[in-house]
Amino acid sequence: MTKWEYLTAPVLIHNTKMILDNFGADGWELVQILQGATPEQLVAYFKREKQ
């Protein structure tokens, strides 16, 4: 059975691509992005297979 680990991280709206590319390079798969407390604040949810 596959085991997963999860990560939540803030994402700056003006630098979204670079932030997501960095997490992707580390093996994290983006699951969802939700709005935080304000429209400028985003929270990204990631998962990757546990090693």
C-alpha atoms as a PDB file:
ATOM      1  CA  MET A   1       0.000   0.000   0.000  1.00  0.00           C
ATOM      2  CA  THR A   2       1.323   3.462  -0.892  1.00  0.00           C
ATOM      3  CA  LYS A   3       2.026   5.738   2.047  1.00  0.00           C
ATOM      4  CA  TRP A   4       1.867   9.505   1.614  1.00  0.00           C
ATOM      5  CA  GLU A   5       3.233  12.517   3.427  1.00  0.00           C
ATOM      6  CA  TYR A   6       1.535  15.893   3.246  1.00  0.00           C
ATOM      7  CA  LEU A   7       2.585  19.528   3.367  1.00  0.00           C
ATOM      8  CA  THR A   8       0.749  22.831   3.577  1.00  0.00           C
ATOM      9  CA  ALA A   9       2.544  26.004   2.577  1.00  0.00           C
ATOM     10  CA  PRO A  10       1.681  29.670   2.044  1.00  0.00           C
ATOM     11  CA  VAL A  11       2.000  30.814  -1.557  1.00  0.00           C
ATOM     12  CA  LEU A  12       2.739  34.434  -2.397  1.00  0.00           C
ATOM     13  CA  ILE A  13       0.391  35.547  -5.147  1.00  0.00           C
ATOM     14  CA  HIS A  14       3.116  37.551  -6.940  1.00  0.00           C
ATOM     15  CA  ASN A  15       5.559  34.600  -7.058  1.00  0.00           C
ATOM     16  CA  THR A  16       3.290  31.584  -7.498  1.00  0.00           C
ATOM     17  CA  LYS A  17       5.067  29.836 -10.392  1.00  0.00           C
ATOM     18  CA  MET A  18       8.516  29.868  -8.797  1.00  0.00           C
ATOM     19  CA  ILE A  19       7.171  28.596  -5.464  1.00  0.00           C
ATOM     20  CA  LEU A  20       5.207  25.759  -7.092  1.00  0.00           C
ATOM     21  CA  ASP A  21       8.166  24.833  -9.339  1.00  0.00           C
ATOM     22  CA  ASN A  22      10.422  24.564  -6.271  1.00  0.00           C
ATOM     23  CA  PHE A  23       8.035  22.227  -4.460  1.00  0.00           C
ATOM     24  CA  GLY A  24       7.604  20.168  -7.632  1.00  0.00           C
ATOM     25  CA  ALA A  25      11.377  19.816  -7.988  1.00  0.00           C
ATOM     26  CA  ASP A  26      11.413  18.357  -4.463  1.00  0.00           C
ATOM     27  CA  GLY A  27       8.856  15.719  -5.470  1.00  0.00           C
ATOM     28  CA  TRP A  28       5.740  17.372  -4.054  1.00  0.00           C
ATOM     29  CA  GLU A  29       2.516  17.110  -6.065  1.00  0.00           C
ATOM     30  CA  LEU A  30       0.076  20.007  -5.767  1.00  0.00           C
ATOM     31  CA  VAL A  31      -3.318  18.801  -4.553  1.00  0.00           C
ATOM     32  CA  GLN A  32      -5.178  22.082  -4.082  1.00  0.00           C
ATOM     33  CA  ILE A  33      -4.784  25.816  -3.486  1.00  0.00           C
ATOM     34  CA  LEU A  34      -7.248  27.631  -1.258  1.00  0.00           C
ATOM     35  CA  GLN A  35      -7.666  31.275  -0.365  1.00  0.00           C
ATOM     36  CA  GLY A  36      -6.358  32.241   3.062  1.00  0.00           C
ATOM     37  CA  ALA A  37      -7.669  34.931   5.374  1.00  0.00           C
ATOM     38  CA  THR A  38      -7.445  37.572   2.623  1.00  0.00           C
ATOM     39  CA  PRO A  39      -7.633  37.339  -1.192  1.00  0.00           C
ATOM     40  CA  GLU A  40      -3.865  37.931  -1.400  1.00  0.00           C
ATOM     41  CA  GLN A  41      -3.090  34.956   0.852  1.00  0.00           C
ATOM     42  CA  LEU A  42      -3.084  31.478  -0.677  1.00  0.00           C
ATOM     43  CA  VAL A  43      -2.453  28.134   1.001  1.00  0.00           C
ATOM     44  CA  ALA A  44      -1.173  25.221  -1.080  1.00  0.00           C
ATOM     45  CA  TYR A  45      -1.696  21.569  -0.145  1.00  0.00           C
ATOM     46  CA  PHE A  46       0.862  19.060  -1.417  1.00  0.00           C
ATOM     47  CA  LYS A  47       1.481  15.320  -1.184  1.00  0.00           C
ATOM     48  CA  ARG A  48       4.287  12.950  -2.108  1.00  0.00           C
ATOM     49  CA  GLU A  49       4.995   9.287  -1.668  1.00  0.00           C
ATOM     50  CA  LYS A  50       6.654   8.571   1.651  1.00  0.00           C
ATOM     51  CA  GLN A  51      10.187   7.249   1.217  1.00  0.00           C
END
